[in-house]
PDB file of N, CA and C in Angstrom:
ATOM      1  N   UNK A   1      -6.546 -16.482 -14.148  1.00  0.00           N
ATOM      2  CA  UNK A   1      -5.189 -16.291 -13.120  1.00  0.00           C
ATOM      3  C   UNK A   1      -4.240 -16.323 -11.541  1.00  0.00           C
ATOM      4  N   UNK A   2      -3.251 -16.327 -12.203  1.00  0.00           N
ATOM      5  CA  UNK A   2      -2.273 -17.005 -10.977  1.00  0.00           C
ATOM      6  C   UNK A   2      -1.984 -15.947  -9.744  1.00  0.00           C
ATOM      7  N   UNK A   3      -2.125 -17.265  -8.317  1.00  0.00           N
ATOM      8  CA  UNK A   3      -1.897 -16.814  -7.302  1.00  0.00           C
ATOM      9  C   UNK A   3      -0.481 -16.565  -6.791  1.00  0.00           C
ATOM     10  N   UNK A   4      -0.087 -14.853  -6.433  1.00  0.00           N
ATOM     11  CA  UNK A   4       0.984 -14.510  -5.614  1.00  0.00           C
ATOM     12  C   UNK A   4       0.657 -15.062  -4.316  1.00  0.00           C
ATOM     13  N   UNK A   5       1.863 -15.348  -3.150  1.00  0.00           N
ATOM     14  CA  UNK A   5       1.466 -15.114  -2.370  1.00  0.00           C
ATOM     15  C   UNK A   5       1.990 -13.441  -1.828  1.00  0.00           C
ATOM     16  N   UNK A   6       1.311 -13.117  -0.228  1.00  0.00           N
ATOM     17  CA  UNK A   6       1.390 -11.837  -0.101  1.00  0.00           C
ATOM     18  C   UNK A   6       2.690 -10.404  -0.500  1.00  0.00           C
ATOM     19  N   UNK A   7       3.854 -12.030   0.154  1.00  0.00           N
ATOM     20  CA  UNK A   7       5.191 -11.745   0.416  1.00  0.00           C
ATOM     21  C   UNK A   7       6.246 -10.852  -0.527  1.00  0.00           C
ATOM     22  N   UNK A   8       5.658 -11.674  -1.689  1.00  0.00           N
ATOM     23  CA  UNK A   8       6.113 -12.272  -3.055  1.00  0.00           C
ATOM     24  C   UNK A   8       5.734 -10.998  -3.624  1.00  0.00           C
ATOM     25  N   UNK A   9       4.773 -10.410  -3.779  1.00  0.00           N
ATOM     26  CA  UNK A   9       3.906  -9.285  -4.250  1.00  0.00           C
ATOM     27  C   UNK A   9       4.311  -7.671  -3.629  1.00  0.00           C
ATOM     28  N   UNK A  10       4.136  -7.831  -1.870  1.00  0.00           N
ATOM     29  CA  UNK A  10       4.832  -6.973  -1.515  1.00  0.00           C
ATOM     30  C   UNK A  10       6.812  -6.645  -1.443  1.00  0.00           C
ATOM     31  N   UNK A  11       7.276  -7.812  -1.867  1.00  0.00           N
ATOM     32  CA  UNK A  11       8.577  -7.718  -2.133  1.00  0.00           C
ATOM     33  C   UNK A  11       9.058  -6.662  -3.749  1.00  0.00           C
ATOM     34  N   UNK A  12       8.417  -7.067  -4.916  1.00  0.00           N
ATOM     35  CA  UNK A  12       7.731  -6.828  -6.673  1.00  0.00           C
ATOM     36  C   UNK A  12       7.646  -4.942  -5.782  1.00  0.00           C
ATOM     37  N   UNK A  13       6.560  -5.489  -4.666  1.00  0.00           N
ATOM     38  CA  UNK A  13       5.830  -3.309  -5.155  1.00  0.00           C
ATOM     39  C   UNK A  13       7.649  -2.792  -4.662  1.00  0.00           C
ATOM     40  N   UNK A  14       7.932  -3.191  -3.777  1.00  0.00           N
ATOM     41  CA  UNK A  14       8.947  -2.275  -2.962  1.00  0.00           C
ATOM     42  C   UNK A  14      10.267  -2.283  -3.423  1.00  0.00           C
ATOM     43  N   UNK A  15      10.227  -3.377  -4.521  1.00  0.00           N
ATOM     44  CA  UNK A  15      11.551  -2.855  -5.478  1.00  0.00           C
ATOM     45  C   UNK A  15      11.017  -2.110  -6.591  1.00  0.00           C
ATOM     46  N   UNK A  16       9.815  -1.318  -7.235  1.00  0.00           N
ATOM     47  CA  UNK A  16       9.702  -1.285  -8.052  1.00  0.00           C
ATOM     48  C   UNK A  16       9.355   0.352  -7.296  1.00  0.00           C
ATOM     49  N   UNK A  17       8.943   0.541  -6.479  1.00  0.00           N
ATOM     50  CA  UNK A  17       9.360   2.111  -5.972  1.00  0.00           C
ATOM     51  C   UNK A  17      10.537   2.347  -5.929  1.00  0.00           C
ATOM     52  N   UNK A  18      11.724   1.507  -5.538  1.00  0.00           N
ATOM     53  CA  UNK A  18      13.096   1.639  -5.080  1.00  0.00           C
ATOM     54  C   UNK A  18      13.255   2.321  -7.194  1.00  0.00           C
ATOM     55  N   UNK A  19      12.205   1.918  -7.718  1.00  0.00           N
ATOM     56  CA  UNK A  19      13.366   2.459  -9.307  1.00  0.00           C
ATOM     57  C   UNK A  19      12.738   3.851  -9.730  1.00  0.00           C
ATOM     58  N   UNK A  20      11.655   4.564  -9.041  1.00  0.00           N
ATOM     59  CA  UNK A  20      10.620   5.515  -9.346  1.00  0.00           C
ATOM     60  C   UNK A  20      11.209   7.017  -9.125  1.00  0.00           C
ATOM     61  N   UNK A  21      12.358   6.771  -7.777  1.00  0.00           N
ATOM     62  CA  UNK A  21      12.779   7.641  -7.947  1.00  0.00           C
ATOM     63  C   UNK A  21      12.182   8.444  -5.977  1.00  0.00           C
ATOM     64  N   UNK A  22      12.702  10.179  -6.449  1.00  0.00           N
ATOM     65  CA  UNK A  22      12.277  10.435  -4.754  1.00  0.00           C
ATOM     66  C   UNK A  22      10.714  11.165  -5.996  1.00  0.00           C
ATOM     67  N   UNK A  23       9.994  11.096  -5.919  1.00  0.00           N
ATOM     68  CA  UNK A  23       8.375  11.939  -7.149  1.00  0.00           C
ATOM     69  C   UNK A  23       7.969  12.610  -5.117  1.00  0.00           C
ATOM     70  N   UNK A  24       7.406  10.748  -4.781  1.00  0.00           N
ATOM     71  CA  UNK A  24       6.355  11.017  -3.333  1.00  0.00           C
ATOM     72  C   UNK A  24       7.034  11.695  -2.644  1.00  0.00           C
ATOM     73  N   UNK A  25       8.782  11.422  -2.615  1.00  0.00           N
ATOM     74  CA  UNK A  25       9.761  12.988  -1.359  1.00  0.00           C
ATOM     75  C   UNK A  25       9.442  13.847  -1.284  1.00  0.00           C
ATOM     76  N   UNK A  26       8.923  14.613  -3.018  1.00  0.00           N
ATOM     77  CA  UNK A  26       9.255  15.751  -3.574  1.00  0.00           C
ATOM     78  C   UNK A  26       7.977  16.634  -3.275  1.00  0.00           C
ATOM     79  N   UNK A  27       7.055  15.374  -3.411  1.00  0.00           N
ATOM     80  CA  UNK A  27       5.793  15.909  -3.733  1.00  0.00           C
ATOM     81  C   UNK A  27       5.434  16.347  -2.056  1.00  0.00           C
ATOM     82  N   UNK A  28       6.210  15.603  -0.950  1.00  0.00           N
ATOM     83  CA  UNK A  28       5.401  16.006   0.629  1.00  0.00           C
ATOM     84  C   UNK A  28       6.913  16.874   1.632  1.00  0.00           C
ATOM     85  N   UNK A  29       8.127  16.906   0.436  1.00  0.00           N
ATOM     86  CA  UNK A  29       8.495  18.298   1.174  1.00  0.00           C
ATOM     87  C   UNK A  29       7.651  19.360   0.372  1.00  0.00           C
ATOM     88  N   UNK A  30       7.320  19.566  -0.800  1.00  0.00           N
ATOM     89  CA  UNK A  30       7.101  20.654  -1.424  1.00  0.00           C
ATOM     90  C   UNK A  30       5.341  21.132  -0.737  1.00  0.00           C
ATOM     91  N   UNK A  31       4.346  19.980  -0.027  1.00  0.00           N
ATOM     92  CA  UNK A  31       3.386  20.510   0.318  1.00  0.00           C
ATOM     93  C   UNK A  31       3.630  20.812   2.224  1.00  0.00           C
ATOM     94  N   UNK A  32       4.581  20.828   2.848  1.00  0.00           N
ATOM     95  CA  UNK A  32       4.901  20.914   3.778  1.00  0.00           C
ATOM     96  C   UNK A  32       5.894  22.051   4.181  1.00  0.00           C
ATOM     97  N   UNK A  33       6.554  22.516   2.623  1.00  0.00           N
ATOM     98  CA  UNK A  33       7.473  23.886   2.673  1.00  0.00           C
ATOM     99  C   UNK A  33       5.366  24.798   2.387  1.00  0.00           C
ATOM    100  N   UNK A  34       4.563  24.665   1.698  1.00  0.00           N
ATOM    101  CA  UNK A  34       4.322  25.752   1.542  1.00  0.00           C
ATOM    102  C   UNK A  34       2.663  25.834   2.832  1.00  0.00           C
ATOM    103  N   UNK A  35       3.131  24.483   3.169  1.00  0.00           N
ATOM    104  CA  UNK A  35       2.069  24.961   4.258  1.00  0.00           C
ATOM    105  C   UNK A  35       2.686  25.316   5.525  1.00  0.00           C
ATOM    106  N   UNK A  36       3.835  25.224   5.511  1.00  0.00           N
ATOM    107  CA  UNK A  36       4.944  25.777   6.660  1.00  0.00           C
ATOM    108  C   UNK A  36       5.275  27.678   6.180  1.00  0.00           C
ATOM    109  N   UNK A  37       5.034  27.678   5.241  1.00  0.00           N
ATOM    110  CA  UNK A  37       4.734  29.022   4.926  1.00  0.00           C
ATOM    111  C   UNK A  37       3.924  29.723   5.403  1.00  0.00           C
ATOM    112  N   UNK A  38       2.877  29.251   4.918  1.00  0.00           N
ATOM    113  CA  UNK A  38       1.226  30.117   5.433  1.00  0.00           C
ATOM    114  C   UNK A  38       1.780  29.407   6.582  1.00  0.00           C
ATOM    115  N   UNK A  39       1.515  29.083   7.161  1.00  0.00           N
ATOM    116  CA  UNK A  39       1.144  28.759   8.949  1.00  0.00           C
ATOM    117  C   UNK A  39       2.511  30.698   9.448  1.00  0.00           C
ATOM    118  N   UNK A  40       3.427  30.256   8.998  1.00  0.00           N
ATOM    119  CA  UNK A  40       4.272  31.189   9.224  1.00  0.00           C
ATOM    120  C   UNK A  40       4.015  33.068   9.012  1.00  0.00           C
ATOM    121  N   UNK A  41       3.202  33.045   8.016  1.00  0.00           N
ATOM    122  CA  UNK A  41       3.131  34.048   7.307  1.00  0.00           C
ATOM    123  C   UNK A  41       1.862  34.557   8.240  1.00  0.00           C
ATOM    124  N   UNK A  42       1.258  33.647   8.737  1.00  0.00           N
ATOM    125  CA  UNK A  42      -0.577  33.801   9.315  1.00  0.00           C
ATOM    126  C   UNK A  42      -0.038  34.318  10.454  1.00  0.00           C
ATOM    127  N   UNK A  43       0.495  33.663  11.370  1.00  0.00           N
ATOM    128  CA  UNK A  43       1.536  34.298  12.490  1.00  0.00           C
ATOM    129  C   UNK A  43       2.232  35.400  12.828  1.00  0.00           C
ATOM    130  N   UNK A  44       3.209  35.323  11.590  1.00  0.00           N
ATOM    131  CA  UNK A  44       3.518  36.314  11.795  1.00  0.00           C
ATOM    132  C   UNK A  44       3.067  38.260  11.424  1.00  0.00           C
ATOM    133  N   UNK A  45       2.040  37.760  10.089  1.00  0.00           N
ATOM    134  CA  UNK A  45       0.576  39.585  10.228  1.00  0.00           C
ATOM    135  C   UNK A  45      -0.084  39.093  11.152  1.00  0.00           C
ATOM    136  N   UNK A  46      -0.445  38.478  12.068  1.00  0.00           N
ATOM    137  CA  UNK A  46      -1.176  38.569  12.878  1.00  0.00           C
ATOM    138  C   UNK A  46      -1.116  39.217  13.702  1.00  0.00           C
ATOM    139  N   UNK A  47      -0.057  40.145  14.475  1.00  0.00           N
ATOM    140  CA  UNK A  47       0.516  40.716  15.232  1.00  0.00           C
ATOM    141  C   UNK A  47       0.529  42.697  14.439  1.00  0.00           C
ATOM    142  N   UNK A  48       0.067  42.506  13.121  1.00  0.00           N
ATOM    143  CA  UNK A  48      -0.949  43.292  12.996  1.00  0.00           C
ATOM    144  C   UNK A  48      -1.702  44.381  12.434  1.00  0.00           C
ATOM    145  N   UNK A  49      -2.771  43.206  13.534  1.00  0.00           N
ATOM    146  CA  UNK A  49      -4.122  43.790  13.334  1.00  0.00           C
ATOM    147  C   UNK A  49      -4.307  44.585  14.094  1.00  0.00           C
ATOM    148  N   UNK A  50      -5.179  45.990  13.570  1.00  0.00           N
ATOM    149  CA  UNK A  50      -5.037  46.969  14.754  1.00  0.00           C
ATOM    150  C   UNK A  50      -6.141  46.624  15.902  1.00  0.00           C
ATOM    151  N   UNK A  51      -6.020  46.557  16.525  1.00  0.00           N
ATOM    152  CA  UNK A  51      -6.889  46.934  18.345  1.00  0.00           C
ATOM    153  C   UNK A  51      -7.533  47.959  18.363  1.00  0.00           C
ATOM    154  N   UNK A  52      -8.489  48.304  18.488  1.00  0.00           N
ATOM    155  CA  UNK A  52     -10.054  49.110  18.931  1.00  0.00           C
ATOM    156  C   UNK A  52     -10.636  48.759  19.583  1.00  0.00           C
ATOM    157  N   UNK A  53     -10.136  49.842  20.721  1.00  0.00           N
ATOM    158  CA  UNK A  53     -10.077  49.119  22.144  1.00  0.00           C
ATOM    159  C   UNK A  53     -10.825  50.581  22.622  1.00  0.00           C
TER     160      UNK A  53
END
């Protein structure tokens, strides 16, 4: 097994990540959007609760 320095491995990993496209970014955007919609819905709908005093 050939030993490669960490700098070479890191450079190759960064090069491979550029060829993958926007898959990771798209997943992050979708997760943030879903969580944001859930929080906005909770915030807006909590004002409609009935307060029985």
